[in-house]
Protein backbone atom coordinates (compact mmCIF):
# COMPACT_ATOMS: atom_id res chain seq x y z
CA MET A 1 0.00 0.00 0.00
CA PRO A 2 1.46 3.40 -0.94
CA VAL A 3 2.18 5.97 1.71
CA GLN A 4 -0.51 8.63 1.68
CA ASP A 5 1.28 11.85 2.49
CA VAL A 6 -0.90 14.23 0.49
CA VAL A 7 -3.93 15.94 1.94
CA THR A 8 -6.59 15.90 -0.75
CA GLU A 9 -10.10 17.31 -0.84
CA GLU A 10 -11.40 13.74 -0.88
CA ARG A 11 -9.48 12.92 2.29
CA ILE A 12 -10.79 16.04 4.05
CA GLU A 13 -14.35 15.17 3.02
CA ARG A 14 -13.90 11.62 4.33
CA TYR A 15 -12.66 12.81 7.72
CA LEU A 16 -15.35 15.49 7.96
CA ASP A 17 -17.96 12.82 7.27
CA ILE A 18 -16.55 10.45 9.90
CA THR A 19 -16.46 13.22 12.49
CA ALA A 20 -19.99 14.41 11.62
CA ARG A 21 -21.28 10.85 12.05
CA ALA A 22 -19.48 10.57 15.39
CA MET A 23 -20.97 13.86 16.65
CA ALA A 24 -24.44 12.75 15.56
CA LYS A 25 -24.12 9.38 17.27
CA LEU A 26 -22.87 10.32 20.72
CA LYS A 27 -25.06 11.09 23.67
CA ILE A 28 -23.89 12.93 26.74
CA ALA A 29 -23.64 10.38 29.54
CA ALA A 30 -23.07 12.70 32.49
CA PRO A 31 -26.07 13.86 34.55
CA GLU A 32 -27.45 17.32 33.73
CA ARG A 33 -26.27 19.14 36.87
CA SER A 34 -22.95 17.35 37.33
CA PHE A 35 -19.40 18.58 36.84
CA GLY A 36 -19.06 15.78 34.29
CA ARG A 37 -21.86 17.36 32.27
CA LYS A 38 -19.98 20.65 32.17
CA MET A 39 -16.91 18.80 30.96
CA ALA A 40 -18.94 16.86 28.37
CA ASP A 41 -20.51 20.07 27.09
CA ASP A 42 -17.07 21.67 26.88
CA PHE A 43 -15.59 18.68 25.03
CA LEU A 44 -18.48 18.72 22.57
CA ASN A 45 -18.16 22.48 22.09
CA MET A 46 -14.43 22.12 21.39
CA ALA A 47 -15.10 19.33 18.89
CA ALA A 48 -17.80 21.35 17.14
CA SER A 49 -15.57 24.44 17.01
CA TYR A 50 -12.67 22.53 15.48
CA TYR A 51 -15.08 20.83 13.06
CA GLU A 52 -16.37 24.23 11.89
CA ASP A 53 -12.78 25.47 11.61
CA ALA A 54 -11.95 22.47 9.44
CA LYS A 55 -14.82 23.28 7.08
CA HIS A 56 -13.71 26.92 6.91
CA PHE A 57 -10.11 26.02 6.10
CA ARG A 58 -11.31 23.50 3.50
CA ASP A 59 -13.46 26.20 1.90
CA VAL A 60 -10.56 28.65 1.63
CA GLY A 61 -8.27 25.98 0.20
CA ASP A 62 -6.02 25.42 3.23
CA LEU A 63 -6.30 21.64 3.25
CA VAL A 64 -3.40 21.01 5.63
CA THR A 65 -4.94 23.18 8.35
CA ALA A 66 -8.37 21.67 7.61
CA PHE A 67 -6.89 18.20 8.10
CA ALA A 68 -5.33 19.23 11.40
CA ALA A 69 -8.56 20.83 12.64
CA VAL A 70 -10.79 17.86 11.81
CA ASN A 71 -8.37 15.55 13.59
CA TYR A 72 -8.41 17.79 16.66
CA ALA A 73 -12.22 17.71 16.52
CA HIS A 74 -12.31 13.96 16.46
CA GLY A 75 -9.67 13.77 19.18
CA TRP A 76 -12.00 15.66 21.55
CA LEU A 77 -14.78 13.20 20.71
CA ASP A 78 -12.54 10.17 21.23
CA CYS A 79 -11.30 11.50 24.54
CA GLY A 80 -14.83 12.20 25.76
CA ALA A 81 -15.93 8.71 24.77
CA ARG A 82 -12.89 7.06 26.30
CA ILE A 83 -13.30 8.71 29.71
CA GLY A 84 -17.06 8.12 29.79
CA LEU A 85 -18.43 11.61 29.21
CA PHE A 86 -20.14 10.39 26.04
CA ASP A 87 -22.21 7.29 25.51
CA VAL A 88 -21.30 6.01 22.06
CA GLY A 89 -23.11 2.70 22.27
CA GLY A 90 -19.88 0.72 22.34
CA ASP A 91 -18.95 1.93 18.82
CA ASP A 92 -15.24 1.21 18.46
CA VAL A 93 -15.21 2.10 14.77
CA LEU A 94 -16.08 5.78 15.06
CA PHE A 95 -14.49 6.11 18.51
CA THR A 96 -11.39 4.93 20.35
CA LEU A 97 -12.65 3.17 23.45
CA PHE A 98 -10.63 1.84 26.37
CA GLU A 99 -11.71 -1.80 26.07
């Protein structure tokens, strides 16, 4: 398999799609009035902000920064799932779970 060291529009679209599906799937697991809920909301806000940044950078043609931003977005989602802030239904395809 060849090394893929070029950020293409197709690659950005693929990662944006994966991250959009992950954001749509998760549910906040922490109770409404808990500190965990505040953290979960913050994690989700960070993910959404980086996701929007990724779309902006894609739209202006900065694919490298778009690629970085979408990966940061998904990293926030993975972290939230891994530490139990998000219920992802055991999905270990869209998310990196502990076990």
